[in-house]
Every structure is written in structure tokens, then in C-alpha cells.
Amino acid sequence: MGEKDEAVHGYRKTDNVYEMIAAEASELVVILEASPGSIAETHEFLQNETVASKTHLYLDQANKNGYIANGLVLMHENTENKVHYFKSPEDLDKCLLKTCVVKLAENIRTAKWIRSKNIG
């Protein structure tokens, strides 16, 4: 039995457990729906309210009427204004998503700094 067989918070140490621990400790979680793995991650992360509250989803506009957009996402109040649609491959080729995510991260960092200084 390897190290991954030891328990963490009652769960076996597997890659998805490590990802969940990292997501819980993060200020911002960004998921780009681009593979079966990211779709599974979306479902897992949105079921954890702590992680769901800081998760921003970037979904391909071609899937706007799909299962994630009209199923799981609608079930979670914490995803309000945190679901963004992009046109693939155009938006990816132009790095528009990267620009949006960097700006979002900077806004979160600035807001955290302002709160720490009791400004505003």
C-alpha cells in the first residue's frame, strides 16, 4: 500500500482529494470546460459549497444548452455571475480567457488587501 492509501479527512488520498484540498485553500478556482476531466471536476467542485462559492466556470458557448449549464450549475446559488461563456477556438486563440481570469484574480487580490487595511 502506497502513501495514497492513507486517509485524509476520512477519504483515501487520491488526486481528486488533493485537488479538493487545494481548491478549499484557494481564493479563486477557475475551471475551463475543455475535457471529460474538467467536466467531472466541475461536478465535484460544485458539490462542495466552500469551493463552489469561489469557483468561476468558463463553458464553451456551444454547450450553453448542455447538461452542465442547465443542470448542475442551476442547482447551486453560489454560481450566480460566475458562469462565463466563450467561443472556441476564437476566444482561446486570442487569449481572451486568460485576460479575464488575470483581471478577476487581480480584483480578488485588491479586495482582500482593502479588507485587510479596513479601507472602504
Protein backbone atom coordinates (compact mmCIF):
# COMPACT_ATOMS: atom_id res chain seq x y z
CA MET A 1 0.00 0.00 0.00
CA GLY A 2 1.40 3.34 -1.03
CA GLU A 3 1.14 6.76 0.57
CA LYS A 4 -2.04 7.49 -1.42
CA ASP A 5 -3.83 4.79 0.56
CA GLU A 6 -3.64 6.78 3.80
CA ALA A 7 -6.77 8.69 4.77
CA VAL A 8 -7.19 12.48 4.66
CA HIS A 9 -10.33 13.83 6.34
CA GLY A 10 -11.81 10.35 6.08
CA TYR A 11 -11.06 10.00 2.36
CA ARG A 12 -8.38 7.96 0.63
CA LYS A 13 -5.58 10.15 -0.69
CA THR A 14 -6.26 10.32 -4.42
CA ASP A 15 -5.60 13.03 -6.96
CA ASN A 16 -9.15 14.39 -6.65
CA VAL A 17 -8.79 14.62 -2.85
CA TYR A 18 -5.57 16.59 -3.27
CA GLU A 19 -7.30 18.88 -5.80
CA MET A 20 -10.21 19.45 -3.42
CA ILE A 21 -7.87 20.31 -0.55
CA ALA A 22 -6.03 22.79 -2.80
CA ALA A 23 -9.33 24.27 -4.02
CA GLU A 24 -10.60 24.74 -0.47
CA ALA A 25 -7.41 26.63 0.42
CA SER A 26 -7.53 28.85 -2.68
CA GLU A 27 -9.02 32.32 -3.08
CA LEU A 28 -10.17 31.61 -6.64
CA VAL A 29 -10.95 28.40 -8.52
CA VAL A 30 -11.20 28.54 -12.31
CA ILE A 31 -12.45 25.63 -14.38
CA LEU A 32 -12.26 25.69 -18.16
CA GLU A 33 -14.65 23.11 -19.55
CA ALA A 34 -12.37 21.53 -22.10
CA SER A 35 -12.21 17.80 -21.39
CA PRO A 36 -14.09 14.98 -19.68
CA GLY A 37 -11.81 15.53 -16.66
CA SER A 38 -12.77 19.19 -16.33
CA ILE A 39 -16.45 18.27 -16.64
CA ALA A 40 -16.05 15.75 -13.81
CA GLU A 41 -14.12 18.36 -11.78
CA THR A 42 -16.97 20.84 -12.27
CA HIS A 43 -19.45 18.38 -10.84
CA GLU A 44 -17.22 17.51 -7.90
CA PHE A 45 -16.26 21.10 -7.06
CA LEU A 46 -19.80 22.48 -7.25
CA GLN A 47 -20.97 19.90 -4.73
CA ASN A 48 -18.60 21.39 -2.14
CA GLU A 49 -20.20 24.70 -1.08
CA THR A 50 -16.89 26.17 0.11
CA VAL A 51 -15.31 25.54 -3.27
CA ALA A 52 -18.45 26.38 -5.27
CA SER A 53 -18.58 29.85 -3.71
CA LYS A 54 -15.22 30.77 -5.25
CA THR A 55 -15.42 28.80 -8.49
CA HIS A 56 -15.71 30.53 -11.85
CA LEU A 57 -16.68 28.30 -14.75
CA TYR A 58 -15.72 29.00 -18.33
CA LEU A 59 -18.00 26.98 -20.59
CA ASP A 60 -17.86 26.66 -24.35
CA GLN A 61 -20.79 28.61 -25.81
CA ALA A 62 -21.54 25.57 -27.99
CA ASN A 63 -22.58 23.79 -24.77
CA LYS A 64 -24.75 26.60 -23.40
CA ASN A 65 -27.80 24.34 -23.50
CA GLY A 66 -25.91 21.32 -22.21
CA TYR A 67 -26.04 19.33 -19.02
CA ILE A 68 -23.58 21.42 -17.00
CA ALA A 69 -25.16 24.77 -17.89
CA ASN A 70 -28.74 23.64 -17.43
CA GLY A 71 -28.26 21.00 -14.77
CA LEU A 72 -25.72 21.21 -12.04
CA VAL A 73 -24.90 24.92 -12.41
CA LEU A 74 -28.54 25.93 -11.93
CA MET A 75 -28.76 23.87 -8.75
CA HIS A 76 -26.13 25.94 -6.98
CA GLU A 77 -26.83 29.51 -5.87
CA ASN A 78 -23.11 30.14 -5.38
CA THR A 79 -22.51 30.06 -9.14
CA GLU A 80 -24.54 33.22 -9.81
CA ASN A 81 -22.50 35.56 -12.03
CA LYS A 82 -19.69 33.01 -12.03
CA VAL A 83 -20.51 31.19 -15.23
CA HIS A 84 -18.86 32.64 -18.30
CA TYR A 85 -19.24 31.51 -21.90
CA PHE A 86 -16.57 31.61 -24.56
CA LYS A 87 -16.39 30.86 -28.26
CA SER A 88 -14.00 28.07 -29.03
CA PRO A 89 -11.46 28.26 -30.57
CA GLU A 90 -11.59 32.02 -31.28
CA ASP A 91 -11.56 33.26 -27.66
CA LEU A 92 -8.85 30.77 -26.73
CA ASP A 93 -6.68 31.76 -29.69
CA LYS A 94 -6.98 35.45 -28.76
CA CYS A 95 -6.15 34.73 -25.09
CA LEU A 96 -9.39 36.44 -24.03
CA LEU A 97 -9.99 33.93 -21.25
CA LYS A 98 -6.51 34.44 -19.84
CA THR A 99 -7.07 38.20 -19.79
CA CYS A 100 -10.42 37.78 -17.99
CA VAL A 101 -9.03 35.37 -15.39
CA VAL A 102 -5.97 37.53 -14.65
CA LYS A 103 -8.21 40.59 -14.19
CA LEU A 104 -10.53 38.58 -11.91
CA ALA A 105 -7.59 37.37 -9.80
CA GLU A 106 -6.24 40.92 -9.52
CA ASN A 107 -9.66 42.18 -8.39
CA ILE A 108 -9.87 39.48 -5.73
CA ARG A 109 -6.34 40.27 -4.53
CA THR A 110 -7.13 44.01 -4.38
CA ALA A 111 -10.37 43.40 -2.48
CA LYS A 112 -8.55 41.18 0.02
CA TRP A 113 -5.88 43.87 0.54
CA ILE A 114 -8.53 46.56 1.06
CA ARG A 115 -10.31 44.37 3.64
CA SER A 116 -7.02 43.75 5.44
CA LYS A 117 -6.43 47.51 5.74
CA ASN A 118 -10.04 48.22 6.81
CA ILE A 119 -10.43 50.58 3.88
CA GLY A 120 -13.87 51.24 2.45
